[in-house]
Amino acid sequence: MDGKLRTTSYSQNLEDVVLSRLIDLIDHGTYIDIGAGHPVLENATYTLYLAGWTGINVEPMAREAQLLVEQRPRDITLQVAVGGESGRITLFEAPLENRGATTWDRELVARYEAAGQKFTPFEVELVTLDTILSRFEPGQVHVLKVDVEGMEDIVIANANLAKHQPWVLVIESTVPNSLEQSHHAWEHVVLDAGYVMTLFDGLNRFYVRNDLDEIVSVLSTPANVFDSWESYTVQLHKDRETVAREYAESLEAELQLFRDKSDIAETYCRSLEADRLLLRDRLDQAEVYNRSLESERVELREGNRAAAEYAHSLEAEREQIRATMESSRSLLNKIDSWLRAIARRFRSSK
């Protein structure tokens, strides 16, 4: 092991980790996934899809079939059920918390519903596995996965595996929702078609065509540390931790930026406060100066009033002096007239 993760496991029971060993041996392989379910979560072929493989996904539930169409565009998705004949069949759709339990078995549904789960009946087209395998040339399908919740014996019994020769079979081999193995009902059909059982992982049995010795060897051990795998849920948790850490770091950076801006704002506020105090001092000084100007204006106005009164008194005195001068001039004229008259009399008396 070089410590480098090579495979992300999306499947329920690490089936995709085992199958991923085929990626280095088969370039752009082909799969048929009967009972595909969600296109990613608990899906046994999504790892192969990411490696460039393509194939057919068979899923009777409308919601999952639509997701497969949207998220697996290179694949063909068939919204049908697979059974022993062509026609129509009633299935019972499982609730969201147990989607993989959708089944045709009414007794199984009764047990689920007794435990409080609600199943909804729906009708869907029914085809045989042979019909789907016939889309490919013999030996062209590299992986055939079958998970049909208790219908495995019917599906396998009505498939000509010897004719179509898919390389690898992965078949769910326990009774739904139990540890009880169910392969005894159909395994003889597989072995008689020329396959050898290579692995039981506790849920599925892996079979390989008996002429593919290298593949037999590769698929003979369960998923282990040497496959260098990591669970998608663990990876998702790590990704979420990374996102959360990066988000926390971004928040810390924003907080630091806010602190820096706060410090700048505080410094600016202090400068504004200093400016405010300076302006207040200047305003006080201006107020004092304004009061001094007002005092001077009042004094000046009082001074002007006194000057005006003094000027008025001077004007009155001037008028009085002028009147006195006029009176004096008139008196002088009279005296002058008297003196001339006296002078004339004096001359005439001689």
Protein backbone atom coordinates (compact mmCIF):
# COMPACT_ATOMS: atom_id res chain seq x y z
CA MET A 1 0.00 0.00 0.00
CA ASP A 2 1.28 3.46 -0.86
CA GLY A 3 -1.20 5.23 1.44
CA LYS A 4 -2.94 6.94 -1.46
CA LEU A 5 -6.68 6.47 -1.61
CA ARG A 6 -7.76 4.97 -4.91
CA THR A 7 -11.44 4.13 -4.44
CA THR A 8 -14.40 5.88 -2.89
CA SER A 9 -17.11 3.43 -1.86
CA TYR A 10 -20.70 4.48 -2.47
CA SER A 11 -22.33 1.06 -2.12
CA GLN A 12 -24.19 -0.48 0.78
CA ASN A 13 -21.80 -3.34 1.52
CA LEU A 14 -18.52 -2.38 -0.26
CA GLU A 15 -19.53 -4.27 -3.42
CA ASP A 16 -18.07 -1.44 -5.49
CA VAL A 17 -14.70 -1.74 -3.74
CA VAL A 18 -14.44 -5.37 -4.88
CA LEU A 19 -15.68 -4.51 -8.39
CA SER A 20 -13.28 -1.57 -8.67
CA ARG A 21 -10.45 -4.08 -9.06
CA LEU A 22 -11.79 -4.68 -12.58
CA ILE A 23 -11.13 -1.07 -13.61
CA ASP A 24 -7.43 -1.69 -14.23
CA LEU A 25 -8.23 -4.86 -16.19
CA ILE A 26 -11.15 -3.69 -18.33
CA ASP A 27 -11.11 -0.32 -20.06
CA HIS A 28 -14.57 1.28 -20.38
CA GLY A 29 -16.48 -1.80 -19.29
CA THR A 30 -20.21 -2.45 -19.39
CA TYR A 31 -22.63 -3.25 -16.55
CA ILE A 32 -26.29 -4.05 -16.04
CA ASP A 33 -27.60 -3.00 -12.63
CA ILE A 34 -30.92 -4.66 -11.80
CA GLY A 35 -32.46 -2.76 -8.87
CA ALA A 36 -30.09 0.18 -9.20
CA GLY A 37 -31.80 2.45 -6.66
CA HIS A 38 -30.29 5.90 -6.13
CA PRO A 39 -27.69 6.86 -8.77
CA VAL A 40 -25.01 7.50 -6.14
CA LEU A 41 -25.97 6.57 -2.58
CA GLU A 42 -25.70 2.85 -1.81
CA ASN A 43 -25.13 2.22 -5.50
CA ALA A 44 -22.87 -0.67 -6.51
CA THR A 45 -21.93 0.62 -9.99
CA TYR A 46 -21.37 4.35 -9.49
CA THR A 47 -17.63 3.84 -8.90
CA LEU A 48 -17.46 2.01 -12.25
CA TYR A 49 -19.42 4.84 -13.88
CA LEU A 50 -16.94 7.40 -12.57
CA ALA A 51 -14.13 5.29 -14.08
CA GLY A 52 -15.69 5.58 -17.55
CA TRP A 53 -17.85 2.46 -17.60
CA THR A 54 -21.44 2.60 -18.92
CA GLY A 55 -24.44 0.37 -18.92
CA ILE A 56 -28.11 -0.13 -18.15
CA ASN A 57 -29.74 0.81 -14.86
CA VAL A 58 -33.02 -0.95 -14.14
CA GLU A 59 -35.12 0.78 -11.50
CA PRO A 60 -38.94 0.55 -11.20
CA MET A 61 -39.40 3.47 -8.77
CA ALA A 62 -40.12 6.73 -10.60
CA ARG A 63 -38.19 9.01 -8.25
CA GLU A 64 -34.98 6.98 -8.41
CA ALA A 65 -35.35 6.35 -12.15
CA GLN A 66 -35.57 10.10 -12.79
CA LEU A 67 -32.49 10.71 -10.64
CA LEU A 68 -30.61 8.06 -12.60
CA VAL A 69 -31.55 9.77 -15.87
CA GLU A 70 -30.38 13.13 -14.54
CA GLN A 71 -27.19 12.06 -12.76
CA ARG A 72 -26.04 9.16 -14.95
CA PRO A 73 -26.52 10.63 -18.46
CA ARG A 74 -24.13 8.18 -20.16
CA ASP A 75 -26.20 5.23 -18.94
CA ILE A 76 -29.51 3.87 -20.19
CA THR A 77 -32.17 3.86 -17.47
CA LEU A 78 -35.18 1.56 -17.71
CA GLN A 79 -38.08 2.21 -15.35
CA VAL A 80 -39.26 -1.40 -15.30
CA ALA A 81 -39.27 -4.42 -13.02
CA VAL A 82 -37.52 -7.67 -13.91
CA GLY A 83 -39.25 -11.01 -13.45
CA GLY A 84 -40.10 -14.28 -15.10
CA GLU A 85 -42.23 -12.93 -17.96
CA SER A 86 -43.20 -9.79 -19.82
CA GLY A 87 -46.29 -7.82 -18.80
CA ARG A 88 -47.30 -5.69 -15.82
CA ILE A 89 -46.70 -6.16 -12.10
CA THR A 90 -47.78 -4.46 -8.89
CA LEU A 91 -44.93 -3.47 -6.61
CA PHE A 92 -45.03 -1.85 -3.19
CA GLU A 93 -42.94 1.31 -2.92
CA ALA A 94 -41.01 1.63 0.33
CA PRO A 95 -40.85 4.85 2.39
CA LEU A 96 -37.92 7.21 2.00
CA GLU A 97 -36.09 5.86 5.04
CA ASN A 98 -36.04 2.34 3.56
CA ARG A 99 -36.17 2.77 -0.22
CA GLY A 100 -34.25 -0.40 -0.97
CA ALA A 101 -37.07 -2.48 0.49
CA THR A 102 -39.48 -1.90 -2.43
CA THR A 103 -40.81 -5.34 -3.32
CA TRP A 104 -43.51 -7.45 -4.97
CA ASP A 105 -43.88 -9.70 -1.88
CA ARG A 106 -47.09 -8.91 0.02
CA GLU A 107 -46.05 -10.97 3.05
CA LEU A 108 -42.80 -9.03 3.32
CA VAL A 109 -44.74 -5.77 3.01
CA ALA A 110 -47.06 -6.90 5.80
CA ARG A 111 -44.06 -7.44 8.11
CA TYR A 112 -42.65 -4.00 7.29
CA GLU A 113 -46.01 -2.33 7.85
CA ALA A 114 -46.42 -4.15 11.16
CA ALA A 115 -43.18 -2.43 12.18
CA GLY A 116 -44.74 0.96 11.33
CA GLN A 117 -43.52 1.52 7.76
CA LYS A 118 -45.97 2.57 5.06
CA PHE A 119 -45.72 1.02 1.59
CA THR A 120 -47.53 2.34 -1.49
CA PRO A 121 -48.64 0.01 -4.31
CA PHE A 122 -47.89 0.98 -7.89
CA GLU A 123 -47.97 -0.75 -11.23
CA VAL A 124 -45.02 -0.94 -13.60
CA GLU A 125 -43.92 -2.78 -16.73
CA LEU A 126 -42.38 -6.21 -16.22
CA VAL A 127 -39.61 -7.63 -18.45
CA THR A 128 -37.28 -10.59 -18.30
CA LEU A 129 -33.53 -10.43 -17.73
CA ASP A 130 -33.05 -12.14 -21.08
CA THR A 131 -34.76 -9.19 -22.78
CA ILE A 132 -32.22 -6.79 -21.28
CA LEU A 133 -29.19 -9.04 -21.88
CA SER A 134 -30.25 -9.39 -25.53
CA ARG A 135 -29.34 -5.74 -26.08
CA PHE A 136 -25.68 -6.81 -26.00
CA GLU A 137 -23.54 -9.34 -27.80
CA PRO A 138 -22.58 -12.45 -25.79
CA GLY A 139 -19.74 -11.62 -23.42
CA GLN A 140 -20.15 -7.87 -23.88
CA VAL A 141 -21.55 -7.34 -20.38
CA HIS A 142 -18.78 -7.36 -17.80
CA VAL A 143 -20.82 -6.99 -14.59
CA LEU A 144 -24.41 -8.05 -13.95
CA LYS A 145 -25.76 -7.04 -10.53
CA VAL A 146 -29.12 -8.40 -9.35
CA ASP A 147 -30.93 -7.00 -6.29
CA VAL A 148 -34.68 -7.59 -6.57
CA GLU A 149 -35.76 -8.07 -2.95
CA GLY A 150 -36.67 -11.75 -2.96
CA MET A 151 -37.30 -12.24 -6.68
CA GLU A 152 -33.75 -13.40 -7.44
CA ASP A 153 -34.79 -17.02 -8.05
CA ILE A 154 -37.42 -15.97 -10.59
CA VAL A 155 -35.08 -13.54 -12.36
CA ILE A 156 -32.16 -15.99 -12.56
CA ALA A 157 -34.33 -18.95 -13.60
CA ASN A 158 -35.57 -17.01 -16.63
CA ALA A 159 -32.17 -15.79 -17.86
CA ASN A 160 -30.01 -17.72 -20.31
CA LEU A 161 -26.67 -16.94 -18.67
CA ALA A 162 -24.83 -19.57 -20.73
CA LYS A 163 -25.94 -17.78 -23.90
CA HIS A 164 -25.24 -14.19 -22.88
CA GLN A 165 -22.09 -14.92 -20.84
CA PRO A 166 -21.75 -11.83 -18.62
CA TRP A 167 -18.31 -11.95 -16.99
CA VAL A 168 -19.24 -11.25 -13.36
CA LEU A 169 -22.47 -11.74 -11.44
CA VAL A 170 -23.23 -10.00 -8.15
CA ILE A 171 -26.47 -11.39 -6.73
CA GLU A 172 -28.07 -10.50 -3.41
CA SER A 173 -28.28 -13.83 -1.60
CA THR A 174 -30.02 -13.23 1.70
CA VAL A 175 -33.71 -13.04 2.53
CA PRO A 176 -34.68 -9.34 2.61
CA ASN A 177 -33.91 -7.66 5.91
CA SER A 178 -32.33 -10.77 7.45
CA LEU A 179 -29.14 -12.81 7.66
CA GLU A 180 -30.83 -15.90 6.26
CA GLN A 181 -29.16 -16.99 3.03
CA SER A 182 -31.35 -17.59 -0.02
CA HIS A 183 -28.89 -18.72 -2.70
CA HIS A 184 -29.93 -22.36 -2.49
CA ALA A 185 -33.04 -21.49 -4.54
CA TRP A 186 -31.12 -20.33 -7.61
CA GLU A 187 -27.36 -20.92 -7.32
CA HIS A 188 -27.48 -24.22 -9.20
CA VAL A 189 -28.72 -22.33 -12.27
CA VAL A 190 -25.68 -20.05 -12.10
CA LEU A 191 -23.18 -22.84 -11.56
CA ASP A 192 -24.69 -24.94 -14.37
CA ALA A 193 -24.26 -21.94 -16.70
CA GLY A 194 -20.49 -22.12 -16.25
CA TYR A 195 -19.79 -19.85 -13.28
CA VAL A 196 -17.78 -20.28 -10.12
CA MET A 197 -18.65 -18.62 -6.82
CA THR A 198 -15.67 -16.50 -5.71
CA LEU A 199 -16.94 -14.52 -2.73
CA PHE A 200 -19.77 -14.11 -0.22
CA ASP A 201 -19.63 -10.70 1.47
CA GLY A 202 -22.43 -11.32 3.94
CA LEU A 203 -25.09 -9.92 1.61
CA ASN A 204 -24.13 -10.80 -1.98
CA ARG A 205 -22.51 -13.69 -3.77
CA PHE A 206 -19.97 -12.97 -6.47
CA TYR A 207 -19.71 -15.31 -9.44
CA VAL A 208 -17.21 -15.27 -12.30
CA ARG A 209 -17.23 -17.20 -15.56
CA ASN A 210 -15.05 -20.26 -15.00
CA ASP A 211 -12.91 -19.49 -18.06
CA LEU A 212 -11.74 -16.10 -16.62
CA ASP A 213 -9.05 -17.25 -14.23
CA GLU A 214 -7.55 -13.79 -13.64
CA ILE A 215 -10.95 -12.34 -12.80
CA VAL A 216 -11.69 -15.27 -10.52
CA SER A 217 -8.50 -14.50 -8.60
CA VAL A 218 -9.14 -10.77 -8.46
CA LEU A 219 -12.68 -11.13 -7.06
CA SER A 220 -11.93 -13.87 -4.50
CA THR A 221 -11.26 -11.64 -1.47
CA PRO A 222 -13.59 -9.21 0.29
CA ALA A 223 -12.93 -5.49 0.41
CA ASN A 224 -9.92 -4.87 2.59
CA VAL A 225 -7.29 -2.32 3.51
CA PHE A 226 -5.22 -3.17 0.45
CA ASP A 227 -7.99 -1.85 -1.80
CA SER A 228 -7.16 1.64 -0.50
CA TRP A 229 -10.78 2.68 -0.20
CA GLU A 230 -12.72 5.24 1.75
CA SER A 231 -16.43 5.38 2.45
CA TYR A 232 -18.36 8.10 0.67
CA THR A 233 -20.05 9.03 3.95
CA VAL A 234 -16.66 9.40 5.64
CA GLN A 235 -15.40 11.41 2.69
CA LEU A 236 -18.55 13.52 2.77
CA HIS A 237 -18.02 14.08 6.50
CA LYS A 238 -14.43 15.13 5.82
CA ASP A 239 -15.56 17.39 3.00
CA ARG A 240 -18.13 18.95 5.30
CA GLU A 241 -15.46 19.36 7.97
CA THR A 242 -13.22 20.99 5.38
CA VAL A 243 -16.05 23.27 4.25
CA ALA A 244 -16.88 24.07 7.89
CA ARG A 245 -13.22 24.76 8.67
CA GLU A 246 -12.82 26.95 5.58
CA TYR A 247 -16.04 28.73 6.49
CA ALA A 248 -14.81 29.24 10.05
CA GLU A 249 -11.52 30.57 8.67
CA SER A 250 -13.40 32.92 6.36
CA LEU A 251 -15.51 34.08 9.32
CA GLU A 252 -12.33 34.62 11.35
CA ALA A 253 -10.84 36.59 8.46
CA GLU A 254 -14.03 38.65 8.24
CA LEU A 255 -13.95 39.12 12.01
CA GLN A 256 -10.33 40.28 11.83
CA LEU A 257 -11.25 42.62 8.98
CA PHE A 258 -14.11 43.91 11.11
CA ARG A 259 -11.72 44.36 14.02
CA ASP A 260 -9.28 46.23 11.78
CA LYS A 261 -12.08 48.39 10.46
CA SER A 262 -13.30 48.88 14.02
CA ASP A 263 -9.81 50.00 15.09
CA ILE A 264 -9.67 52.37 12.12
CA ALA A 265 -13.15 53.63 12.95
CA GLU A 266 -12.19 54.08 16.60
CA THR A 267 -9.06 56.02 15.60
CA TYR A 268 -11.15 58.12 13.23
CA CYS A 269 -13.72 58.72 15.99
CA ARG A 270 -10.96 59.85 18.32
CA SER A 271 -9.67 62.23 15.64
CA LEU A 272 -13.23 63.50 15.13
CA GLU A 273 -13.58 64.00 18.88
CA ALA A 274 -10.30 65.94 18.91
CA ASP A 275 -11.56 68.01 15.97
CA ARG A 276 -14.86 68.50 17.78
CA LEU A 277 -13.07 69.74 20.91
CA LEU A 278 -10.88 72.02 18.80
CA LEU A 279 -13.93 73.39 17.01
CA ARG A 280 -15.68 73.86 20.34
CA ASP A 281 -12.68 75.82 21.65
CA ARG A 282 -12.65 77.89 18.50
CA LEU A 283 -16.39 78.41 18.81
CA ASP A 284 -15.96 79.53 22.42
CA GLN A 285 -13.22 81.88 21.33
CA ALA A 286 -15.43 83.17 18.54
CA GLU A 287 -18.25 83.62 21.04
CA VAL A 288 -15.99 85.61 23.35
CA TYR A 289 -14.76 87.69 20.42
CA ASN A 290 -18.34 88.20 19.26
CA ARG A 291 -19.34 89.38 22.73
CA SER A 292 -16.35 91.78 22.75
CA LEU A 293 -17.41 93.09 19.34
CA GLU A 294 -20.94 93.51 20.58
CA SER A 295 -19.65 95.38 23.61
CA GLU A 296 -17.53 97.57 21.37
CA ARG A 297 -20.52 98.08 19.08
CA VAL A 298 -22.62 99.15 22.04
CA GLU A 299 -19.86 101.42 23.28
CA LEU A 300 -19.44 102.80 19.81
CA ARG A 301 -23.17 103.32 19.50
CA GLU A 302 -23.18 105.10 22.87
CA GLY A 303 -20.15 107.09 21.74
CA ASN A 304 -21.93 107.99 18.53
CA ARG A 305 -24.97 109.06 20.45
CA ALA A 306 -22.84 111.29 22.72
CA ALA A 307 -20.99 112.67 19.71
CA ALA A 308 -24.30 113.40 18.01
CA GLU A 309 -25.59 115.18 21.11
CA TYR A 310 -22.30 117.10 21.38
CA ALA A 311 -22.48 118.01 17.72
CA HIS A 312 -26.05 119.12 18.23
CA SER A 313 -25.02 121.28 21.19
CA LEU A 314 -22.18 122.72 19.14
CA GLU A 315 -24.60 123.49 16.36
CA ALA A 316 -26.89 125.24 18.87
CA GLU A 317 -23.96 127.22 20.20
CA ARG A 318 -22.93 128.10 16.66
CA GLU A 319 -26.44 129.30 15.92
CA GLN A 320 -26.40 131.28 19.15
CA ILE A 321 -23.03 132.85 18.29
CA ARG A 322 -24.23 133.64 14.81
CA ALA A 323 -27.34 135.28 16.24
CA THR A 324 -25.15 137.22 18.68
CA MET A 325 -22.88 138.29 15.84
CA GLU A 326 -25.87 139.41 13.80
CA SER A 327 -27.16 141.34 16.77
CA SER A 328 -23.71 142.86 17.36
CA ARG A 329 -23.38 143.73 13.68
CA SER A 330 -26.77 145.42 13.77
CA LEU A 331 -25.76 147.35 16.90
CA LEU A 332 -22.49 148.42 15.32
CA ASN A 333 -24.36 149.61 12.27
CA LYS A 334 -26.62 151.64 14.50
CA ILE A 335 -23.64 153.04 16.42
CA ASP A 336 -21.92 153.80 13.16
CA SER A 337 -25.05 155.61 11.96
CA TRP A 338 -25.20 157.52 15.20
CA LEU A 339 -21.55 158.53 14.95
CA ARG A 340 -21.97 159.73 11.37
CA ALA A 341 -25.03 161.71 12.36
CA ILE A 342 -23.15 163.27 15.26
CA ALA A 343 -20.25 164.06 12.97
CA ARG A 344 -22.53 165.78 10.47
CA ARG A 345 -24.11 167.83 13.19
CA PHE A 346 -20.75 168.77 14.54
CA ARG A 347 -19.56 169.99 11.15
CA SER A 348 -22.70 171.89 10.51
CA SER A 349 -22.46 173.74 13.86
CA LYS A 350 -19.13 175.27 12.90
